[in-house]
Amino acid sequence: MKLMRLSLVVVLLLLTAVACRAQPEVATPLPPAPTAAGAETLPEPTAVAEPTAVPTLPMPATIAPVATVTPTPEPEPTATPAGVLLIDLEDFGSDRNPLTGELISDPAILQRRPIAVKMSNAPPSFVRPQSGLNDADLVFEHITEGHITRLTLLFYGNTPPDVGPIRSARLIDLEIPAMYDAAFVFSGASTGVNQRLNRSDFTARILRGGVGYYRTGADKPYEHTLYGRLNLFWDQLQEIGQNRPPNFGSNMAFGTTPPANGRPASRIDLDYRWETVRWEYDADLGRYRRWAADQVVIDANSNEQVTAANVIVVYSNHVEDAEICEEIRDGRCLHLSLQIQVWGSGPATIFRDGQRYDVTWRRTNRGDMLTFHDANGAPFPLQVGNSWLQMMPLGRESSVQVSE
């Protein structure tokens, strides 16, 4: 009898141990993010079980570039009537893209989830011309370590054949997918950034390799050869149950008539220290054309110069994160990860229709996109079309020169 009781105790102990091991490990929530004075703190992301960190992406075998594939052309959208003003999300109806204000010929396109793609911007000799710049609804250009810049592109209304070169994430990419309820495509991340992505509230829609990624096989450093096919990324999202219409927490305003009180701005020079970006207004086109280091910036998909309906300079706190090192050499950290604090509010300058407008940007909640407001607090309308957001540190206003 004693032997039987002892055996039962042992069995119960073993079952308890197995059950304990079966419980997922809950990630420690992130500490509150530092904020600018007077800024509103965003809600913390929901803590989820942290998967194994994957600093680098497993790459598929090299395949032929998509240039050999002829994509099915999408129907041209109906021209935007003059005088259109879109203020509230309801104004967009079922056939306007909330990220550009443009009419969409096939409203079914708006039933898919936006995709944020991380793209390299340096060194120019290896990464330019990039693919997909003119098809992105929004492009964020931001500083990384060492003063170089990198891009995060938002795709929703268009499906270019190629996007890339795709590179590694930075801390700002913990915010952009949340702001636009987007999926995220990237080539990997430093250990610290990757761990935070793993426990973010959008980790389920991060596409970590597999279908959609390919290597060009080009004769250049391996890290600059990764590209992607958006149609396959959307297929992958469909397969994992993540391709649904976005739930935007706020919306930008659009209007085809330039607001009053603008000042002439035919040229903008932005000094990022490693290179100067230039935008020049083309009155015939009604858009700004882009140069970098005095070279025309081209979209490789169309071989046309990159243009934007809106160029938006966003000033915000840029703070080094002491917990994340982006570059270690000889056992010493050379560059800490840079956190760009796009929450709360701050100054911004919008360039549209050859005019300059000084406004305020806002982002109150984590699920809100950046919105823009005039001196009276009213929504400021962007021109209908794509926008480039040039992220600049507070206090660097002298780095932006405007010519009439």
Protein backbone atom coordinates (compact mmCIF):
# COMPACT_ATOMS: atom_id res chain seq x y z
CA MET A 1 0.00 0.00 0.00
CA LYS A 2 2.81 2.46 0.90
CA LEU A 3 4.49 1.63 -2.42
CA MET A 4 1.27 2.40 -4.31
CA ARG A 5 0.84 5.76 -2.51
CA LEU A 6 4.45 6.68 -3.27
CA SER A 7 3.95 5.82 -6.94
CA LEU A 8 0.83 8.03 -7.12
CA VAL A 9 2.73 10.96 -5.61
CA VAL A 10 5.55 10.57 -8.13
CA VAL A 11 3.06 10.48 -11.03
CA LEU A 12 1.28 13.62 -9.78
CA LEU A 13 4.59 15.47 -9.42
CA LEU A 14 5.59 14.52 -12.96
CA LEU A 15 2.23 15.69 -14.38
CA THR A 16 2.57 19.02 -12.53
CA ALA A 17 6.06 19.59 -13.93
CA VAL A 18 4.91 18.87 -17.50
CA ALA A 19 1.96 21.25 -17.12
CA CYS A 20 4.25 24.02 -15.85
CA ARG A 21 6.61 23.58 -18.75
CA ALA A 22 3.69 23.80 -21.20
CA GLN A 23 2.80 27.34 -20.10
CA PRO A 24 4.07 30.04 -22.47
CA GLU A 25 6.60 32.50 -21.22
CA VAL A 26 5.02 35.95 -20.93
CA ALA A 27 7.23 38.76 -22.11
CA THR A 28 7.98 41.59 -19.71
CA PRO A 29 6.12 44.70 -20.87
CA LEU A 30 8.29 47.48 -22.21
CA PRO A 31 9.03 50.37 -19.84
CA PRO A 32 7.19 53.61 -20.64
CA ALA A 33 8.79 55.33 -23.59
CA PRO A 34 10.45 58.68 -22.80
CA THR A 35 8.42 61.59 -24.09
CA ALA A 36 8.97 65.21 -24.89
CA ALA A 37 7.85 67.72 -22.31
CA GLY A 38 4.09 68.00 -22.43
CA ALA A 39 3.71 65.04 -24.79
CA GLU A 40 1.00 62.50 -24.22
CA THR A 41 2.23 58.99 -23.43
CA LEU A 42 0.98 56.27 -25.74
CA PRO A 43 -0.53 53.10 -24.29
CA GLU A 44 1.97 50.28 -23.92
CA PRO A 45 1.66 47.38 -26.40
CA THR A 46 -0.06 44.25 -25.16
CA ALA A 47 2.51 41.80 -23.78
CA VAL A 48 2.62 38.55 -25.73
CA ALA A 49 4.75 35.43 -25.56
CA GLU A 50 8.18 36.23 -26.92
CA PRO A 51 9.35 33.91 -29.70
CA THR A 52 12.99 33.12 -30.20
CA ALA A 53 14.83 36.20 -31.46
CA VAL A 54 15.75 36.04 -35.12
CA PRO A 55 18.41 38.70 -35.72
CA THR A 56 18.80 37.75 -39.38
CA LEU A 57 16.31 36.53 -41.91
CA PRO A 58 16.62 33.04 -43.40
CA MET A 59 16.83 33.75 -47.10
CA PRO A 60 15.24 31.74 -49.90
CA ALA A 61 17.30 30.65 -52.85
CA THR A 62 18.19 33.28 -55.43
CA ILE A 63 15.58 33.59 -58.14
CA ALA A 64 15.34 35.68 -61.25
CA PRO A 65 14.37 39.32 -60.70
CA VAL A 66 10.75 40.10 -61.27
CA ALA A 67 11.69 42.23 -64.26
CA THR A 68 11.05 39.11 -66.34
CA VAL A 69 7.46 38.98 -65.08
CA THR A 70 4.84 41.22 -66.70
CA PRO A 71 2.44 42.35 -63.98
CA THR A 72 -1.24 42.76 -64.78
CA PRO A 73 -1.79 46.51 -65.17
CA GLU A 74 -4.26 48.03 -62.74
CA PRO A 75 -7.02 50.24 -64.18
CA GLU A 76 -6.31 53.95 -63.99
CA PRO A 77 -8.24 55.63 -61.14
CA THR A 78 -10.73 58.34 -61.98
CA ALA A 79 -9.23 61.83 -61.87
CA THR A 80 -9.79 63.71 -58.64
CA PRO A 81 -12.31 66.56 -59.15
CA ALA A 82 -11.10 70.06 -58.33
CA GLY A 83 -12.12 71.44 -54.95
CA VAL A 84 -12.30 68.08 -53.15
CA LEU A 85 -11.96 68.40 -49.36
CA LEU A 86 -11.67 65.31 -47.15
CA ILE A 87 -11.69 65.98 -43.42
CA ASP A 88 -13.33 63.06 -41.61
CA LEU A 89 -12.76 59.38 -42.35
CA GLU A 90 -16.39 59.12 -43.51
CA ASP A 91 -15.61 61.62 -46.29
CA PHE A 92 -13.42 59.04 -48.03
CA GLY A 93 -16.32 56.65 -48.60
CA SER A 94 -15.51 53.19 -49.96
CA ASP A 95 -13.46 54.24 -52.97
CA ARG A 96 -10.86 56.70 -51.67
CA ASN A 97 -7.51 55.78 -50.20
CA PRO A 98 -7.27 57.30 -46.67
CA LEU A 99 -3.48 57.51 -47.01
CA THR A 100 -3.52 59.62 -50.19
CA GLY A 101 -7.09 60.87 -50.72
CA GLU A 102 -7.01 59.36 -54.21
CA LEU A 103 -9.93 57.62 -55.86
CA ILE A 104 -9.42 53.86 -56.29
CA SER A 105 -10.83 52.22 -59.40
CA ASP A 106 -11.30 48.91 -57.57
CA PRO A 107 -12.57 49.45 -54.00
CA ALA A 108 -11.64 45.83 -53.17
CA ILE A 109 -8.02 47.03 -52.97
CA LEU A 110 -8.93 48.93 -49.80
CA GLN A 111 -10.01 45.66 -48.15
CA ARG A 112 -6.39 44.53 -47.79
CA ARG A 113 -3.98 45.43 -45.01
CA PRO A 114 -1.28 48.06 -45.68
CA ILE A 115 2.30 46.78 -45.75
CA ALA A 116 5.30 48.69 -44.36
CA VAL A 117 8.59 47.84 -46.09
CA LYS A 118 12.01 48.74 -44.72
CA MET A 119 14.32 49.98 -47.45
CA SER A 120 17.99 50.86 -47.61
CA ASN A 121 19.15 54.34 -48.63
CA ALA A 122 22.94 54.04 -48.30
CA PRO A 123 25.47 53.71 -49.75
CA PRO A 124 24.01 55.13 -53.00
CA SER A 125 26.33 53.13 -55.26
CA PHE A 126 24.85 49.85 -53.98
CA VAL A 127 21.21 50.70 -53.29
CA ARG A 128 20.13 53.18 -55.97
CA PRO A 129 17.99 53.22 -57.95
CA GLN A 130 15.54 51.74 -55.44
CA SER A 131 12.33 50.01 -56.49
CA GLY A 132 8.87 51.08 -55.38
CA LEU A 133 9.46 54.68 -54.28
CA ASN A 134 6.81 56.22 -56.52
CA ASP A 135 4.16 53.61 -55.70
CA ALA A 136 4.31 54.05 -51.93
CA ASP A 137 1.47 56.04 -50.37
CA LEU A 138 3.82 57.31 -47.64
CA VAL A 139 7.60 57.28 -47.30
CA PHE A 140 9.36 57.99 -43.99
CA GLU A 141 13.00 59.03 -44.32
CA HIS A 142 14.78 58.96 -40.96
CA ILE A 143 18.26 59.13 -39.48
CA THR A 144 19.94 55.96 -38.28
CA GLU A 145 23.28 55.57 -36.54
CA GLY A 146 26.18 57.35 -38.21
CA HIS A 147 23.86 60.06 -39.66
CA ILE A 148 22.88 58.01 -42.72
CA THR A 149 19.19 57.72 -43.51
CA ARG A 150 16.91 54.75 -44.10
CA LEU A 151 13.37 54.54 -45.44
CA THR A 152 10.11 52.92 -44.35
CA LEU A 153 7.52 52.78 -47.14
CA LEU A 154 3.76 52.29 -46.71
CA PHE A 155 2.01 50.43 -49.53
CA TYR A 156 -1.78 50.25 -49.69
CA GLY A 157 -3.30 51.60 -52.91
CA ASN A 158 -0.64 50.40 -55.40
CA THR A 159 1.11 47.10 -56.11
CA PRO A 160 4.53 47.68 -57.71
CA PRO A 161 6.28 44.63 -59.18
CA ASP A 162 9.41 45.00 -57.03
CA VAL A 163 10.30 46.67 -53.74
CA GLY A 164 13.82 47.01 -52.40
CA PRO A 165 16.55 46.71 -51.50
CA ILE A 166 15.01 45.57 -48.22
CA ARG A 167 17.08 46.19 -45.11
CA SER A 168 16.98 45.86 -41.32
CA ALA A 169 14.54 47.53 -38.94
CA ARG A 170 15.13 50.35 -36.50
CA LEU A 171 13.25 51.55 -33.41
CA ILE A 172 10.95 53.79 -35.47
CA ASP A 173 9.54 50.60 -36.97
CA LEU A 174 7.97 49.78 -33.63
CA GLU A 175 5.69 52.77 -34.31
CA ILE A 176 4.94 52.92 -38.05
CA PRO A 177 3.12 49.55 -38.42
CA ALA A 178 1.04 50.40 -35.33
CA MET A 179 0.17 53.84 -36.72
CA TYR A 180 -1.21 52.43 -39.97
CA ASP A 181 -2.39 48.97 -38.82
CA ALA A 182 0.14 47.57 -41.27
CA ALA A 183 2.10 44.38 -41.77
CA PHE A 184 5.89 44.69 -41.67
CA VAL A 185 8.54 43.47 -44.14
CA PHE A 186 12.24 43.75 -43.29
CA SER A 187 15.52 41.84 -43.52
CA GLY A 188 16.23 41.44 -39.80
CA ALA A 189 17.22 43.64 -36.87
CA SER A 190 19.73 44.04 -34.08
CA THR A 191 19.05 41.77 -31.11
CA GLY A 192 17.48 44.54 -29.02
CA VAL A 193 15.18 45.85 -31.78
CA ASN A 194 14.26 42.31 -32.77
CA GLN A 195 13.25 41.42 -29.22
CA ARG A 196 10.96 44.45 -29.05
CA LEU A 197 9.42 43.60 -32.42
CA ASN A 198 8.82 40.06 -31.14
CA ARG A 199 6.76 41.33 -28.24
CA SER A 200 5.04 44.16 -30.10
CA ASP A 201 1.28 44.27 -30.61
CA PHE A 202 1.73 43.62 -34.35
CA THR A 203 4.10 40.65 -34.14
CA ALA A 204 1.50 38.34 -35.74
CA ARG A 205 1.69 40.30 -38.99
CA ILE A 206 5.49 40.53 -39.29
CA LEU A 207 6.59 38.62 -42.40
CA ARG A 208 9.94 37.05 -41.52
CA GLY A 209 11.22 35.61 -44.74
CA GLY A 210 9.73 32.97 -46.99
CA VAL A 211 7.30 33.67 -49.82
CA GLY A 212 7.72 37.09 -51.43
CA TYR A 213 11.40 37.64 -50.67
CA TYR A 214 14.10 37.03 -53.27
CA ARG A 215 17.79 37.75 -53.90
CA THR A 216 18.77 39.48 -57.13
CA GLY A 217 22.13 37.74 -57.48
CA ALA A 218 23.64 41.12 -58.36
CA ASP A 219 27.39 41.61 -58.04
CA LYS A 220 27.35 43.77 -54.91
CA PRO A 221 27.44 43.21 -51.13
CA TYR A 222 24.95 40.50 -50.15
CA GLU A 223 23.02 42.73 -47.74
CA HIS A 224 21.96 44.98 -50.64
CA THR A 225 20.48 42.20 -52.80
CA LEU A 226 17.23 41.42 -50.96
CA TYR A 227 14.00 42.45 -52.71
CA GLY A 228 10.34 41.59 -52.42
CA ARG A 229 7.09 41.14 -54.35
CA LEU A 230 4.14 42.80 -52.70
CA ASN A 231 1.50 40.63 -54.34
CA LEU A 232 3.13 37.58 -52.72
CA PHE A 233 3.36 39.34 -49.36
CA TRP A 234 -0.39 39.97 -49.48
CA ASP A 235 -0.90 36.30 -50.38
CA GLN A 236 1.18 35.32 -47.36
CA LEU A 237 -0.91 37.59 -45.11
CA GLN A 238 -4.05 35.95 -46.48
CA GLU A 239 -2.72 32.49 -45.65
CA ILE A 240 -2.01 33.41 -42.02
CA GLY A 241 -5.35 35.18 -41.56
CA GLN A 242 -3.85 38.69 -41.30
CA ASN A 243 -4.99 40.27 -44.56
CA ARG A 244 -7.98 42.32 -43.42
CA PRO A 245 -9.00 45.98 -43.91
CA PRO A 246 -7.03 48.34 -41.66
CA ASN A 247 -8.59 49.93 -38.61
CA PHE A 248 -7.23 53.47 -38.69
CA GLY A 249 -7.38 55.26 -35.33
CA SER A 250 -7.25 58.68 -37.00
CA ASN A 251 -6.96 60.10 -40.49
CA MET A 252 -5.12 62.80 -42.41
CA ALA A 253 -7.11 65.50 -44.20
CA PHE A 254 -6.81 66.21 -47.94
CA GLY A 255 -7.91 69.05 -50.19
CA THR A 256 -7.21 69.88 -53.82
CA THR A 257 -7.31 73.66 -53.26
CA PRO A 258 -4.19 75.09 -51.56
CA PRO A 259 -5.01 76.64 -48.17
CA ALA A 260 -4.63 80.40 -47.77
CA ASN A 261 -1.62 82.04 -46.07
CA GLY A 262 1.00 79.80 -47.69
CA ARG A 263 4.45 81.18 -48.52
CA PRO A 264 6.22 80.42 -51.81
CA ALA A 265 8.51 77.38 -51.60
CA SER A 266 9.85 76.21 -54.91
CA ARG A 267 12.89 74.39 -53.49
CA ILE A 268 13.66 72.60 -50.21
CA ASP A 269 17.17 71.50 -49.20
CA LEU A 270 17.44 69.10 -46.24
CA ASP A 271 20.93 68.63 -44.84
CA TYR A 272 21.17 65.13 -43.32
CA ARG A 273 24.96 65.65 -42.92
CA TRP A 274 25.91 62.56 -44.90
CA GLU A 275 24.04 63.93 -47.93
CA THR A 276 21.65 66.73 -48.84
CA VAL A 277 18.18 65.92 -50.14
CA ARG A 278 16.61 68.41 -52.55
CA TRP A 279 12.99 68.79 -53.60
CA GLU A 280 12.06 71.17 -56.43
CA TYR A 281 8.50 72.09 -57.32
CA ASP A 282 7.41 71.37 -60.89
CA ALA A 283 4.46 73.67 -61.55
CA ASP A 284 3.48 71.84 -64.74
CA LEU A 285 3.39 68.51 -62.89
CA GLY A 286 1.98 69.98 -59.68
CA ARG A 287 4.44 67.92 -57.65
CA TYR A 288 7.90 68.11 -56.06
CA ARG A 289 10.81 66.28 -57.75
CA ARG A 290 13.56 64.65 -55.68
CA TRP A 291 17.35 64.83 -55.83
CA ALA A 292 19.96 63.45 -53.38
CA ALA A 293 23.59 64.57 -53.33
CA ASP A 294 22.78 66.54 -56.52
CA GLN A 295 21.77 63.35 -58.32
CA VAL A 296 18.29 62.71 -59.70
CA VAL A 297 16.57 60.02 -57.60
CA ILE A 298 14.98 57.38 -59.83
CA ASP A 299 12.43 54.64 -59.19
CA ALA A 300 13.91 51.53 -60.80
CA ASN A 301 10.46 50.11 -61.60
CA SER A 302 9.58 52.94 -63.99
CA ASN A 303 12.95 54.61 -64.54
CA GLU A 304 11.22 57.90 -63.71
CA GLN A 305 12.25 60.59 -61.24
CA VAL A 306 10.76 60.28 -57.77
CA THR A 307 8.05 62.85 -57.07
CA ALA A 308 5.71 63.72 -54.20
CA ALA A 309 2.46 65.65 -53.89
CA ASN A 310 3.43 66.56 -50.31
CA VAL A 311 6.82 66.91 -48.64
CA ILE A 312 6.39 67.01 -44.86
CA VAL A 313 9.24 67.86 -42.49
CA VAL A 314 8.43 66.36 -39.07
CA TYR A 315 10.49 67.57 -36.09
CA SER A 316 10.59 65.28 -33.04
CA ASN A 317 12.86 64.16 -30.21
CA HIS A 318 15.68 61.83 -31.31
CA VAL A 319 17.09 59.94 -28.29
CA GLU A 320 19.74 57.21 -28.14
CA ASP A 321 18.55 54.02 -26.44
CA ALA A 322 21.28 52.91 -24.02
CA GLU A 323 19.91 49.33 -24.00
CA ILE A 324 20.32 48.66 -27.72
CA CYS A 325 23.59 48.72 -29.64
CA GLU A 326 23.35 48.77 -33.43
CA GLU A 327 27.06 48.30 -34.16
CA ILE A 328 29.66 46.50 -32.04
CA ARG A 329 33.30 46.35 -33.10
CA ASP A 330 36.18 44.84 -31.14
CA GLY A 331 33.86 44.37 -28.19
CA ARG A 332 32.94 48.05 -28.09
CA CYS A 333 29.59 49.63 -28.97
CA LEU A 334 30.12 52.21 -31.70
CA HIS A 335 26.50 53.24 -32.22
CA LEU A 336 23.45 53.05 -29.98
CA SER A 337 20.01 52.63 -31.51
CA LEU A 338 18.22 55.93 -32.14
CA GLN A 339 14.65 56.29 -30.93
CA ILE A 340 12.56 58.79 -32.89
CA GLN A 341 9.71 59.78 -30.60
CA VAL A 342 6.70 60.11 -32.90
CA TRP A 343 4.07 60.46 -30.21
CA GLY A 344 2.51 63.46 -28.53
CA SER A 345 2.89 66.51 -30.75
CA GLY A 346 5.49 68.76 -32.31
CA PRO A 347 6.23 71.22 -35.11
CA ALA A 348 6.10 70.30 -38.79
CA THR A 349 6.32 72.08 -42.13
CA ILE A 350 4.20 70.98 -45.08
CA PHE A 351 5.15 71.76 -48.67
CA ARG A 352 2.41 71.41 -51.27
CA ASP A 353 1.55 73.23 -54.50
CA GLY A 354 4.80 75.21 -54.30
CA GLN A 355 3.74 76.65 -50.94
CA ARG A 356 5.04 76.32 -47.40
CA TYR A 357 2.83 75.90 -44.33
CA ASP A 358 4.00 75.67 -40.72
CA VAL A 359 1.74 73.31 -38.77
CA THR A 360 1.63 71.01 -35.74
CA TRP A 361 1.74 67.22 -35.96
CA ARG A 362 -0.16 65.09 -33.44
CA ARG A 363 -0.34 61.46 -32.40
CA THR A 364 -2.29 60.89 -29.20
CA ASN A 365 -2.90 57.11 -29.19
CA ARG A 366 -0.73 54.24 -30.35
CA GLY A 367 -3.14 53.33 -33.15
CA ASP A 368 -3.26 56.91 -34.49
CA MET A 369 -1.40 57.96 -37.61
CA LEU A 370 0.34 61.33 -37.71
CA THR A 371 -2.17 64.11 -38.32
CA PHE A 372 -1.50 67.76 -39.08
CA HIS A 373 -3.22 70.86 -37.69
CA ASP A 374 -3.12 74.59 -38.33
CA ALA A 375 -2.62 77.34 -35.73
CA ASN A 376 -6.31 77.14 -34.77
CA GLY A 377 -6.15 73.38 -34.22
CA ALA A 378 -8.16 72.58 -37.36
CA PRO A 379 -7.08 69.67 -39.60
CA PHE A 380 -4.64 70.86 -42.24
CA PRO A 381 -5.37 69.39 -45.70
CA LEU A 382 -2.61 67.74 -47.68
CA GLN A 383 -2.70 67.75 -51.47
CA VAL A 384 -4.30 64.59 -52.85
CA GLY A 385 -1.50 62.13 -53.62
CA ASN A 386 1.57 60.56 -52.03
CA SER A 387 3.63 62.11 -49.23
CA TRP A 388 7.27 61.96 -48.14
CA LEU A 389 7.79 62.52 -44.42
CA GLN A 390 11.28 63.84 -43.74
CA MET A 391 12.00 63.10 -40.07
CA MET A 392 14.28 65.68 -38.43
CA PRO A 393 15.50 66.11 -34.83
CA LEU A 394 14.08 68.99 -32.82
CA GLY A 395 16.53 71.86 -32.90
CA ARG A 396 17.70 71.08 -36.43
CA GLU A 397 15.46 73.60 -38.17
CA SER A 398 18.57 75.23 -39.69
CA SER A 399 19.17 71.97 -41.59
CA VAL A 400 16.14 72.78 -43.76
CA GLN A 401 16.61 75.60 -46.25
CA VAL A 402 13.67 76.86 -48.32
CA SER A 403 13.93 78.90 -51.51
CA GLU A 404 11.05 80.91 -52.97
